[in-house]
């Protein structure tokens, strides 16, 4: 017999992962052509929302909620990354464009 709490944690994990991944991907595609600061703001908001859900789950003693919150954080950040990227996987087979030497900027789109 399976403990009900284990089933709740598995369902919470699957729900948090699915919700975070889909929301992250959709929002990532919406900010694709906009400024990079919006992407970083969404990353910060994903961490804040997941952190608040995590604290709520720990405070209430609901394991399914805090485990689901951790899954939400991981999948929303991944969804944002793949949603904002123009390609996924191997990427474009074209060679990268020539750039000026120097460290890349986190805030400017190129």
PDB file of N, CA and C in Angstrom:
ATOM      1  N   UNK A   1       0.838  -1.172   0.000  1.00  0.00           N
ATOM      2  CA  UNK A   1       0.000   0.000   0.000  1.00  0.00           C
ATOM      3  C   UNK A   1       0.888   1.243   0.000  1.00  0.00           C
ATOM      4  N   UNK A   2       0.511   2.216  -0.806  1.00  0.00           N
ATOM      5  CA  UNK A   2       1.293   3.440  -0.947  1.00  0.00           C
ATOM      6  C   UNK A   2       0.795   4.474   0.051  1.00  0.00           C
ATOM      7  N   UNK A   3       1.727   5.104   0.724  1.00  0.00           N
ATOM      8  CA  UNK A   3       1.375   6.167   1.666  1.00  0.00           C
ATOM      9  C   UNK A   3       0.787   7.347   0.894  1.00  0.00           C
ATOM     10  N   UNK A   4      -0.306   7.902   1.390  1.00  0.00           N
ATOM     11  CA  UNK A   4      -0.998   8.996   0.701  1.00  0.00           C
ATOM     12  C   UNK A   4      -0.093  10.216   0.574  1.00  0.00           C
ATOM     13  N   UNK A   5       0.748  10.463   1.577  1.00  0.00           N
ATOM     14  CA  UNK A   5       1.633  11.627   1.518  1.00  0.00           C
ATOM     15  C   UNK A   5       2.627  11.513   0.361  1.00  0.00           C
ATOM     16  N   UNK A   6       3.090  10.304   0.070  1.00  0.00           N
ATOM     17  CA  UNK A   6       4.005  10.106  -1.053  1.00  0.00           C
ATOM     18  C   UNK A   6       3.307  10.447  -2.363  1.00  0.00           C
ATOM     19  N   UNK A   7       2.076  10.023  -2.512  1.00  0.00           N
ATOM     20  CA  UNK A   7       1.313  10.337  -3.723  1.00  0.00           C
ATOM     21  C   UNK A   7       1.104  11.845  -3.835  1.00  0.00           C
ATOM     22  N   UNK A   8       0.792  12.495  -2.724  1.00  0.00           N
ATOM     23  CA  UNK A   8       0.615  13.951  -2.736  1.00  0.00           C
ATOM     24  C   UNK A   8       1.894  14.668  -3.156  1.00  0.00           C
ATOM     25  N   UNK A   9       3.034  14.210  -2.662  1.00  0.00           N
ATOM     26  CA  UNK A   9       4.311  14.840  -3.010  1.00  0.00           C
ATOM     27  C   UNK A   9       4.623  14.634  -4.489  1.00  0.00           C
ATOM     28  N   UNK A  10       4.371  13.446  -4.999  1.00  0.00           N
ATOM     29  CA  UNK A  10       4.615  13.183  -6.425  1.00  0.00           C
ATOM     30  C   UNK A  10       3.713  14.053  -7.289  1.00  0.00           C
ATOM     31  N   UNK A  11       2.446  14.163  -6.924  1.00  0.00           N
ATOM     32  CA  UNK A  11       1.525  15.008  -7.690  1.00  0.00           C
ATOM     33  C   UNK A  11       1.893  16.488  -7.572  1.00  0.00           C
ATOM     34  N   UNK A  12       2.318  16.921  -6.387  1.00  0.00           N
ATOM     35  CA  UNK A  12       2.757  18.305  -6.216  1.00  0.00           C
ATOM     36  C   UNK A  12       3.989  18.615  -7.050  1.00  0.00           C
ATOM     37  N   UNK A  13       4.918  17.660  -7.096  1.00  0.00           N
ATOM     38  CA  UNK A  13       6.113  17.838  -7.914  1.00  0.00           C
ATOM     39  C   UNK A  13       5.759  17.926  -9.390  1.00  0.00           C
ATOM     40  N   UNK A  14       4.925  17.015  -9.853  1.00  0.00           N
ATOM     41  CA  UNK A  14       4.521  17.030 -11.265  1.00  0.00           C
ATOM     42  C   UNK A  14       3.754  18.303 -11.606  1.00  0.00           C
ATOM     43  N   UNK A  15       2.882  18.737 -10.706  1.00  0.00           N
ATOM     44  CA  UNK A  15       2.117  19.960 -10.948  1.00  0.00           C
ATOM     45  C   UNK A  15       2.995  21.194 -10.970  1.00  0.00           C
ATOM     46  N   UNK A  16       3.902  21.309 -10.016  1.00  0.00           N
ATOM     47  CA  UNK A  16       4.809  22.453  -9.980  1.00  0.00           C
ATOM     48  C   UNK A  16       5.725  22.490 -11.184  1.00  0.00           C
ATOM     49  N   UNK A  17       6.215  21.321 -11.584  1.00  0.00           N
ATOM     50  CA  UNK A  17       7.101  21.252 -12.744  1.00  0.00           C
ATOM     51  C   UNK A  17       6.361  21.624 -14.024  1.00  0.00           C
ATOM     52  N   UNK A  18       5.150  21.110 -14.180  1.00  0.00           N
ATOM     53  CA  UNK A  18       4.366  21.408 -15.380  1.00  0.00           C
ATOM     54  C   UNK A  18       3.963  22.873 -15.429  1.00  0.00           C
ATOM     55  N   UNK A  19       3.431  23.377 -14.333  1.00  0.00           N
ATOM     56  CA  UNK A  19       2.995  24.775 -14.293  1.00  0.00           C
ATOM     57  C   UNK A  19       4.163  25.731 -14.526  1.00  0.00           C
ATOM     58  N   UNK A  20       5.272  25.498 -13.864  1.00  0.00           N
ATOM     59  CA  UNK A  20       6.437  26.362 -14.030  1.00  0.00           C
ATOM     60  C   UNK A  20       7.018  26.308 -15.427  1.00  0.00           C
ATOM     61  N   UNK A  21       7.118  25.111 -15.983  1.00  0.00           N
ATOM     62  CA  UNK A  21       7.689  24.972 -17.325  1.00  0.00           C
ATOM     63  C   UNK A  21       6.850  25.632 -18.394  1.00  0.00           C
ATOM     64  N   UNK A  22       5.550  25.398 -18.344  1.00  0.00           N
ATOM     65  CA  UNK A  22       4.669  26.011 -19.346  1.00  0.00           C
ATOM     66  C   UNK A  22       4.615  27.526 -19.196  1.00  0.00           C
ATOM     67  N   UNK A  23       4.471  28.004 -17.970  1.00  0.00           N
ATOM     68  CA  UNK A  23       4.420  29.452 -17.752  1.00  0.00           C
ATOM     69  C   UNK A  23       5.737  30.102 -18.152  1.00  0.00           C
ATOM     70  N   UNK A  24       6.845  29.486 -17.799  1.00  0.00           N
ATOM     71  CA  UNK A  24       8.146  30.037 -18.163  1.00  0.00           C
ATOM     72  C   UNK A  24       8.350  30.088 -19.661  1.00  0.00           C
ATOM     73  N   UNK A  25       7.961  29.024 -20.355  1.00  0.00           N
ATOM     74  CA  UNK A  25       8.142  29.004 -21.810  1.00  0.00           C
ATOM     75  C   UNK A  25       7.278  30.060 -22.490  1.00  0.00           C
ATOM     76  N   UNK A  26       6.020  30.157 -22.089  1.00  0.00           N
ATOM     77  CA  UNK A  26       5.117  31.141 -22.699  1.00  0.00           C
ATOM     78  C   UNK A  26       5.616  32.564 -22.438  1.00  0.00           C
ATOM     79  N   UNK A  27       5.991  32.858 -21.206  1.00  0.00           N
ATOM     80  CA  UNK A  27       6.493  34.200 -20.900  1.00  0.00           C
ATOM     81  C   UNK A  27       7.833  34.464 -21.582  1.00  0.00           C
ATOM     82  N   UNK A  28       8.653  33.432 -21.709  1.00  0.00           N
ATOM     83  CA  UNK A  28       9.925  33.599 -22.408  1.00  0.00           C
ATOM     84  C   UNK A  28       9.742  33.947 -23.872  1.00  0.00           C
ATOM     85  N   UNK A  29       8.744  33.337 -24.526  1.00  0.00           N
ATOM     86  CA  UNK A  29       8.491  33.677 -25.930  1.00  0.00           C
ATOM     87  C   UNK A  29       7.939  35.088 -26.064  1.00  0.00           C
ATOM     88  N   UNK A  30       7.225  35.559 -25.064  1.00  0.00           N
ATOM     89  CA  UNK A  30       6.667  36.919 -25.125  1.00  0.00           C
ATOM     90  C   UNK A  30       7.727  37.997 -24.945  1.00  0.00           C
ATOM     91  N   UNK A  31       8.783  37.717 -24.210  1.00  0.00           N
ATOM     92  CA  UNK A  31       9.826  38.729 -24.010  1.00  0.00           C
ATOM     93  C   UNK A  31      11.014  38.527 -24.948  1.00  0.00           C
ATOM     94  N   UNK A  32      10.876  37.643 -25.912  1.00  0.00           N
ATOM     95  CA  UNK A  32      11.977  37.328 -26.822  1.00  0.00           C
ATOM     96  C   UNK A  32      12.504  38.569 -27.537  1.00  0.00           C
ATOM     97  N   UNK A  33      11.615  39.384 -28.059  1.00  0.00           N
ATOM     98  CA  UNK A  33      12.018  40.551 -28.842  1.00  0.00           C
ATOM     99  C   UNK A  33      12.123  41.818 -27.996  1.00  0.00           C
ATOM    100  N   UNK A  34      11.866  41.723 -26.723  1.00  0.00           N
ATOM    101  CA  UNK A  34      11.904  42.896 -25.848  1.00  0.00           C
ATOM    102  C   UNK A  34      13.260  42.980 -25.151  1.00  0.00           C
ATOM    103  N   UNK A  35      13.421  43.956 -24.299  1.00  0.00           N
ATOM    104  CA  UNK A  35      14.691  44.160 -23.617  1.00  0.00           C
ATOM    105  C   UNK A  35      15.069  43.004 -22.706  1.00  0.00           C
ATOM    106  N   UNK A  36      16.369  42.817 -22.547  1.00  0.00           N
ATOM    107  CA  UNK A  36      16.863  41.724 -21.711  1.00  0.00           C
ATOM    108  C   UNK A  36      16.477  41.911 -20.250  1.00  0.00           C
ATOM    109  N   UNK A  37      16.275  43.151 -19.831  1.00  0.00           N
ATOM    110  CA  UNK A  37      15.923  43.386 -18.430  1.00  0.00           C
ATOM    111  C   UNK A  37      14.597  42.732 -18.090  1.00  0.00           C
ATOM    112  N   UNK A  38      13.681  42.600 -19.049  1.00  0.00           N
ATOM    113  CA  UNK A  38      12.398  41.937 -18.773  1.00  0.00           C
ATOM    114  C   UNK A  38      12.606  40.447 -18.500  1.00  0.00           C
ATOM    115  N   UNK A  39      13.506  39.835 -19.250  1.00  0.00           N
ATOM    116  CA  UNK A  39      13.834  38.424 -19.034  1.00  0.00           C
ATOM    117  C   UNK A  39      14.399  38.220 -17.628  1.00  0.00           C
ATOM    118  N   UNK A  40      15.325  39.086 -17.228  1.00  0.00           N
ATOM    119  CA  UNK A  40      15.925  38.952 -15.905  1.00  0.00           C
ATOM    120  C   UNK A  40      14.917  39.253 -14.805  1.00  0.00           C
ATOM    121  N   UNK A  41      13.995  40.167 -15.065  1.00  0.00           N
ATOM    122  CA  UNK A  41      12.941  40.453 -14.095  1.00  0.00           C
ATOM    123  C   UNK A  41      12.044  39.235 -13.909  1.00  0.00           C
ATOM    124  N   UNK A  42      11.704  38.566 -15.008  1.00  0.00           N
ATOM    125  CA  UNK A  42      10.884  37.354 -14.906  1.00  0.00           C
ATOM    126  C   UNK A  42      11.624  36.242 -14.167  1.00  0.00           C
ATOM    127  N   UNK A  43      12.933  36.137 -14.369  1.00  0.00           N
ATOM    128  CA  UNK A  43      13.716  35.165 -13.607  1.00  0.00           C
ATOM    129  C   UNK A  43      13.633  35.460 -12.111  1.00  0.00           C
ATOM    130  N   UNK A  44      13.772  36.723 -11.759  1.00  0.00           N
ATOM    131  CA  UNK A  44      13.688  37.122 -10.351  1.00  0.00           C
ATOM    132  C   UNK A  44      12.298  36.825  -9.785  1.00  0.00           C
ATOM    133  N   UNK A  45      11.253  37.145 -10.559  1.00  0.00           N
ATOM    134  CA  UNK A  45       9.889  36.885 -10.092  1.00  0.00           C
ATOM    135  C   UNK A  45       9.633  35.391  -9.910  1.00  0.00           C
ATOM    136  N   UNK A  46      10.182  34.562 -10.794  1.00  0.00           N
ATOM    137  CA  UNK A  46      10.026  33.113 -10.643  1.00  0.00           C
ATOM    138  C   UNK A  46      10.654  32.645  -9.332  1.00  0.00           C
ATOM    139  N   UNK A  47      11.817  33.191  -8.999  1.00  0.00           N
ATOM    140  CA  UNK A  47      12.461  32.829  -7.737  1.00  0.00           C
ATOM    141  C   UNK A  47      11.656  33.307  -6.532  1.00  0.00           C
ATOM    142  N   UNK A  48      11.113  34.525  -6.622  1.00  0.00           N
ATOM    143  CA  UNK A  48      10.336  35.069  -5.504  1.00  0.00           C
ATOM    144  C   UNK A  48       9.053  34.264  -5.299  1.00  0.00           C
ATOM    145  N   UNK A  49       8.326  34.001  -6.390  1.00  0.00           N
ATOM    146  CA  UNK A  49       7.074  33.237  -6.280  1.00  0.00           C
ATOM    147  C   UNK A  49       7.348  31.841  -5.742  1.00  0.00           C
ATOM    148  N   UNK A  50       8.358  31.175  -6.295  1.00  0.00           N
ATOM    149  CA  UNK A  50       8.708  29.845  -5.807  1.00  0.00           C
ATOM    150  C   UNK A  50       9.155  29.863  -4.358  1.00  0.00           C
ATOM    151  N   UNK A  51       9.917  30.884  -3.981  1.00  0.00           N
ATOM    152  CA  UNK A  51      10.353  30.999  -2.590  1.00  0.00           C
ATOM    153  C   UNK A  51       9.200  31.214  -1.633  1.00  0.00           C
ATOM    154  N   UNK A  52       8.252  32.058  -2.035  1.00  0.00           N
ATOM    155  CA  UNK A  52       7.077  32.287  -1.182  1.00  0.00           C
ATOM    156  C   UNK A  52       6.238  31.017  -1.039  1.00  0.00           C
ATOM    157  N   UNK A  53       6.064  30.289  -2.136  1.00  0.00           N
ATOM    158  CA  UNK A  53       5.329  29.020  -2.058  1.00  0.00           C
ATOM    159  C   UNK A  53       6.074  28.014  -1.188  1.00  0.00           C
ATOM    160  N   UNK A  54       7.390  28.029  -1.275  1.00  0.00           N
ATOM    161  CA  UNK A  54       8.200  27.131  -0.466  1.00  0.00           C
ATOM    162  C   UNK A  54       8.030  27.437   1.019  1.00  0.00           C
ATOM    163  N   UNK A  55       8.114  28.711   1.379  1.00  0.00           N
ATOM    164  CA  UNK A  55       7.943  29.111   2.781  1.00  0.00           C
ATOM    165  C   UNK A  55       6.530  28.784   3.262  1.00  0.00           C
ATOM    166  N   UNK A  56       5.535  29.010   2.399  1.00  0.00           N
ATOM    167  CA  UNK A  56       4.154  28.693   2.779  1.00  0.00           C
ATOM    168  C   UNK A  56       3.994  27.196   3.034  1.00  0.00           C
ATOM    169  N   UNK A  57       4.589  26.378   2.176  1.00  0.00           N
ATOM    170  CA  UNK A  57       4.503  24.933   2.360  1.00  0.00           C
ATOM    171  C   UNK A  57       5.212  24.462   3.616  1.00  0.00           C
ATOM    172  N   UNK A  58       6.383  25.036   3.883  1.00  0.00           N
ATOM    173  CA  UNK A  58       7.109  24.659   5.095  1.00  0.00           C
ATOM    174  C   UNK A  58       6.378  25.131   6.347  1.00  0.00           C
ATOM    175  N   UNK A  59       5.803  26.328   6.290  1.00  0.00           N
ATOM    176  CA  UNK A  59       5.083  26.864   7.451  1.00  0.00           C
ATOM    177  C   UNK A  59       3.825  26.065   7.754  1.00  0.00           C
ATOM    178  N   UNK A  60       3.141  25.625   6.713  1.00  0.00           N
ATOM    179  CA  UNK A  60       1.896  24.882   6.894  1.00  0.00           C
ATOM    180  C   UNK A  60       2.130  23.385   7.084  1.00  0.00           C
ATOM    181  N   UNK A  61       3.365  22.939   6.914  1.00  0.00           N
ATOM    182  CA  UNK A  61       3.649  21.514   7.045  1.00  0.00           C
ATOM    183  C   UNK A  61       3.132  20.690   5.882  1.00  0.00           C
ATOM    184  N   UNK A  62       3.010  21.308   4.725  1.00  0.00           N
ATOM    185  CA  UNK A  62       2.525  20.619   3.522  1.00  0.00           C
ATOM    186  C   UNK A  62       3.717  20.284   2.635  1.00  0.00           C
ATOM    187  N   UNK A  63       4.151  19.042   2.684  1.00  0.00           N
ATOM    188  CA  UNK A  63       5.326  18.637   1.911  1.00  0.00           C
ATOM    189  C   UNK A  63       5.088  18.767   0.415  1.00  0.00           C
ATOM    190  N   UNK A  64       3.865  18.478  -0.038  1.00  0.00           N
ATOM    191  CA  UNK A  64       3.580  18.554  -1.474  1.00  0.00           C
ATOM    192  C   UNK A  64       3.753  19.969  -1.999  1.00  0.00           C
ATOM    193  N   UNK A  65       3.468  20.979  -1.165  1.00  0.00           N
ATOM    194  CA  UNK A  65       3.569  22.368  -1.609  1.00  0.00           C
ATOM    195  C   UNK A  65       5.018  22.824  -1.701  1.00  0.00           C
ATOM    196  N   UNK A  66       5.834  22.519  -0.710  1.00  0.00           N
ATOM    197  CA  UNK A  66       7.209  23.009  -0.788  1.00  0.00           C
ATOM    198  C   UNK A  66       8.027  22.235  -1.802  1.00  0.00           C
ATOM    199  N   UNK A  67       7.743  20.953  -1.990  1.00  0.00           N
ATOM    200  CA  UNK A  67       8.441  20.205  -3.040  1.00  0.00           C
ATOM    201  C   UNK A  67       7.981  20.686  -4.415  1.00  0.00           C
ATOM    202  N   UNK A  68       6.687  20.949  -4.562  1.00  0.00           N
ATOM    203  CA  UNK A  68       6.176  21.502  -5.816  1.00  0.00           C
ATOM    204  C   UNK A  68       6.740  22.878  -6.106  1.00  0.00           C
ATOM    205  N   UNK A  69       6.991  23.670  -5.058  1.00  0.00           N
ATOM    206  CA  UNK A  69       7.575  25.003  -5.243  1.00  0.00           C
ATOM    207  C   UNK A  69       9.005  24.909  -5.760  1.00  0.00           C
ATOM    208  N   UNK A  70       9.757  23.949  -5.263  1.00  0.00           N
ATOM    209  CA  UNK A  70      11.119  23.758  -5.760  1.00  0.00           C
ATOM    210  C   UNK A  70      11.085  23.332  -7.225  1.00  0.00           C
ATOM    211  N   UNK A  71      10.175  22.433  -7.573  1.00  0.00           N
ATOM    212  CA  UNK A  71      10.032  22.023  -8.973  1.00  0.00           C
ATOM    213  C   UNK A  71       9.599  23.197  -9.839  1.00  0.00           C
ATOM    214  N   UNK A  72       8.739  24.065  -9.303  1.00  0.00           N
ATOM    215  CA  UNK A  72       8.300  25.255 -10.033  1.00  0.00           C
ATOM    216  C   UNK A  72       9.482  26.169 -10.347  1.00  0.00           C
ATOM    217  N   UNK A  73      10.348  26.394  -9.372  1.00  0.00           N
ATOM    218  CA  UNK A  73      11.503  27.270  -9.590  1.00  0.00           C
ATOM    219  C   UNK A  73      12.386  26.717 -10.702  1.00  0.00           C
ATOM    220  N   UNK A  74      12.730  25.452 -10.605  1.00  0.00           N
ATOM    221  CA  UNK A  74      13.627  24.842 -11.590  1.00  0.00           C
ATOM    222  C   UNK A  74      13.025  24.884 -12.987  1.00  0.00           C
ATOM    223  N   UNK A  75      11.776  24.485 -13.110  1.00  0.00           N
ATOM    224  CA  UNK A  75      11.180  24.401 -14.445  1.00  0.00           C
ATOM    225  C   UNK A  75      10.830  25.765 -15.016  1.00  0.00           C
ATOM    226  N   UNK A  76      10.469  26.733 -14.179  1.00  0.00           N
ATOM    227  CA  UNK A  76      10.156  28.058 -14.718  1.00  0.00           C
ATOM    228  C   UNK A  76      11.414  28.743 -15.238  1.00  0.00           C
ATOM    229  N   UNK A  77      12.535  28.597 -14.550  1.00  0.00           N
ATOM    230  CA  UNK A  77      13.782  29.173 -15.050  1.00  0.00           C
ATOM    231  C   UNK A  77      14.208  28.502 -16.353  1.00  0.00           C
ATOM    232  N   UNK A  78      14.050  27.192 -16.433  1.00  0.00           N
ATOM    233  CA  UNK A  78      14.378  26.486 -17.668  1.00  0.00           C
ATOM    234  C   UNK A  78      13.430  26.878 -18.788  1.00  0.00           C
ATOM    235  N   UNK A  79      12.134  26.983 -18.489  1.00  0.00           N
ATOM    236  CA  UNK A  79      11.163  27.397 -19.501  1.00  0.00           C
ATOM    237  C   UNK A  79      11.425  28.797 -20.012  1.00  0.00           C
ATOM    238  N   UNK A  80      11.795  29.710 -19.129  1.00  0.00           N
ATOM    239  CA  UNK A  80      12.135  31.069 -19.556  1.00  0.00           C
ATOM    240  C   UNK A  80      13.343  31.058 -20.483  1.00  0.00           C
ATOM    241  N   UNK A  81      14.330  30.255 -20.141  1.00  0.00           N
ATOM    242  CA  UNK A  81      15.542  30.194 -20.958  1.00  0.00           C
ATOM    243  C   UNK A  81      15.226  29.676 -22.354  1.00  0.00           C
ATOM    244  N   UNK A  82      14.492  28.569 -22.449  1.00  0.00           N
ATOM    245  CA  UNK A  82      14.184  27.998 -23.758  1.00  0.00           C
ATOM    246  C   UNK A  82      13.129  28.797 -24.500  1.00  0.00           C
ATOM    247  N   UNK A  83      12.237  29.476 -23.786  1.00  0.00           N
ATOM    248  CA  UNK A  83      11.247  30.310 -24.451  1.00  0.00           C
ATOM    249  C   UNK A  83      11.864  31.549 -25.064  1.00  0.00           C
ATOM    250  N   UNK A  84      12.841  32.133 -24.397  1.00  0.00           N
ATOM    251  CA  UNK A  84      13.483  33.342 -24.917  1.00  0.00           C
ATOM    252  C   UNK A  84      14.484  33.021 -26.012  1.00  0.00           C
ATOM    253  N   UNK A  85      15.110  31.863 -25.955  1.00  0.00           N
ATOM    254  CA  UNK A  85      16.091  31.498 -26.972  1.00  0.00           C
ATOM    255  C   UNK A  85      15.423  31.308 -28.323  1.00  0.00           C
ATOM    256  N   UNK A  86      16.118  31.722 -29.368  1.00  0.00           N
ATOM    257  CA  UNK A  86      15.549  31.578 -30.706  1.00  0.00           C
ATOM    258  C   UNK A  86      15.590  30.133 -31.170  1.00  0.00           C
ATOM    259  N   UNK A  87      16.529  29.359 -30.660  1.00  0.00           N
ATOM    260  CA  UNK A  87      16.621  27.947 -31.005  1.00  0.00           C
ATOM    261  C   UNK A  87      16.887  27.158 -29.731  1.00  0.00           C
ATOM    262  N   UNK A  88      16.575  25.893 -29.755  1.00  0.00           N
ATOM    263  CA  UNK A  88      16.892  25.010 -28.638  1.00  0.00           C
ATOM    264  C   UNK A  88      17.695  23.842 -29.175  1.00  0.00           C
ATOM    265  N   UNK A  89      18.257  23.081 -28.300  1.00  0.00           N
ATOM    266  CA  UNK A  89      19.027  21.925 -28.731  1.00  0.00           C
ATOM    267  C   UNK A  89      20.369  22.344 -29.312  1.00  0.00           C
ATOM    268  N   UNK A  90      20.690  21.827 -30.499  1.00  0.00           N
ATOM    269  CA  UNK A  90      21.981  22.107 -31.125  1.00  0.00           C
ATOM    270  C   UNK A  90      22.110  23.559 -31.552  1.00  0.00           C
ATOM    271  N   UNK A  91      21.007  24.229 -31.747  1.00  0.00           N
ATOM    272  CA  UNK A  91      21.071  25.626 -32.160  1.00  0.00           C
ATOM    273  C   UNK A  91      21.246  25.756 -33.653  1.00  0.00           C
ATOM    274  N   UNK A  92      21.536  26.947 -34.073  1.00  0.00           N
ATOM    275  CA  UNK A  92      21.699  27.232 -35.489  1.00  0.00           C
ATOM    276  C   UNK A  92      23.005  26.635 -35.992  1.00  0.00           C
ATOM    277  N   UNK A  93      22.979  26.155 -37.211  1.00  0.00           N
ATOM    278  CA  UNK A  93      24.189  25.619 -37.815  1.00  0.00           C
ATOM    279  C   UNK A  93      25.027  26.716 -38.456  1.00  0.00           C
ATOM    280  N   UNK A  94      24.486  27.937 -38.532  1.00  0.00           N
ATOM    281  CA  UNK A  94      25.251  29.060 -39.067  1.00  0.00           C
ATOM    282  C   UNK A  94      26.333  29.449 -38.071  1.00  0.00           C
ATOM    283  N   UNK A  95      27.483  29.908 -38.581  1.00  0.00           N
ATOM    284  CA  UNK A  95      28.517  30.351 -37.642  1.00  0.00           C
ATOM    285  C   UNK A  95      28.054  31.600 -36.901  1.00  0.00           C
ATOM    286  N   UNK A  96      28.523  31.790 -35.689  1.00  0.00           N
ATOM    287  CA  UNK A  96      28.105  32.974 -34.929  1.00  0.00           C
ATOM    288  C   UNK A  96      28.640  34.247 -35.582  1.00  0.00           C
ATOM    289  N   UNK A  97      27.920  35.362 -35.436  1.00  0.00           N
ATOM    290  CA  UNK A  97      28.399  36.619 -36.024  1.00  0.00           C
ATOM    291  C   UNK A  97      29.649  37.118 -35.303  1.00  0.00           C
ATOM    292  N   UNK A  98      30.432  37.883 -36.023  1.00  0.00           N
ATOM    293  CA  UNK A  98      31.646  38.456 -35.436  1.00  0.00           C
ATOM    294  C   UNK A  98      31.268  39.484 -34.375  1.00  0.00           C
ATOM    295  N   UNK A  99      31.979  39.440 -33.263  1.00  0.00           N
ATOM    296  CA  UNK A  99      31.714  40.383 -32.180  1.00  0.00           C
ATOM    297  C   UNK A  99      33.010  41.038 -31.762  1.00  0.00           C
ATOM    298  N   UNK A 100      32.862  42.190 -31.156  1.00  0.00           N
ATOM    299  CA  UNK A 100      34.032  42.869 -30.612  1.00  0.00           C
ATOM    300  C   UNK A 100      34.503  42.107 -29.378  1.00  0.00           C
ATOM    301  N   UNK A 101      35.823  42.050 -29.164  1.00  0.00           N
ATOM    302  CA  UNK A 101      36.307  41.337 -27.976  1.00  0.00           C
ATOM    303  C   UNK A 101      35.873  42.051 -26.700  1.00  0.00           C
ATOM    304  N   UNK A 102      35.674  41.290 -25.691  1.00  0.00           N
ATOM    305  CA  UNK A 102      35.269  41.838 -24.400  1.00  0.00           C
ATOM    306  C   UNK A 102      34.213  40.956 -23.776  1.00  0.00           C
ATOM    307  N   UNK A 103      33.960  41.171 -22.508  1.00  0.00           N
ATOM    308  CA  UNK A 103      32.957  40.332 -21.835  1.00  0.00           C
ATOM    309  C   UNK A 103      31.557  40.647 -22.351  1.00  0.00           C
ATOM    310  N   UNK A 104      30.713  39.626 -22.463  1.00  0.00           N
ATOM    311  CA  UNK A 104      29.340  39.875 -22.911  1.00  0.00           C
ATOM    312  C   UNK A 104      28.537  40.596 -21.832  1.00  0.00           C
ATOM    313  N   UNK A 105      27.622  41.415 -22.253  1.00  0.00           N
ATOM    314  CA  UNK A 105      26.780  42.153 -21.322  1.00  0.00           C
ATOM    315  C   UNK A 105      25.546  41.333 -20.974  1.00  0.00           C
ATOM    316  N   UNK A 106      25.167  41.365 -19.720  1.00  0.00           N
ATOM    317  CA  UNK A 106      23.955  40.672 -19.298  1.00  0.00           C
ATOM    318  C   UNK A 106      22.709  41.490 -19.574  1.00  0.00           C
ATOM    319  N   UNK A 107      22.860  42.783 -19.787  1.00  0.00           N
ATOM    320  CA  UNK A 107      21.708  43.667 -19.860  1.00  0.00           C
ATOM    321  C   UNK A 107      21.375  44.128 -21.269  1.00  0.00           C
ATOM    322  N   UNK A 108      22.292  44.011 -22.201  1.00  0.00           N
ATOM    323  CA  UNK A 108      22.047  44.479 -23.562  1.00  0.00           C
ATOM    324  C   UNK A 108      21.750  43.307 -24.470  1.00  0.00           C
ATOM    325  N   UNK A 109      20.761  43.474 -25.333  1.00  0.00           N
ATOM    326  CA  UNK A 109      20.482  42.474 -26.352  1.00  0.00           C
ATOM    327  C   UNK A 109      21.403  42.728 -27.529  1.00  0.00           C
ATOM    328  N   UNK A 110      21.853  41.650 -28.126  1.00  0.00           N
ATOM    329  CA  UNK A 110      22.713  41.811 -29.293  1.00  0.00           C
ATOM    330  C   UNK A 110      22.062  41.205 -30.496  1.00  0.00           C
TER     331      UNK A 110
END
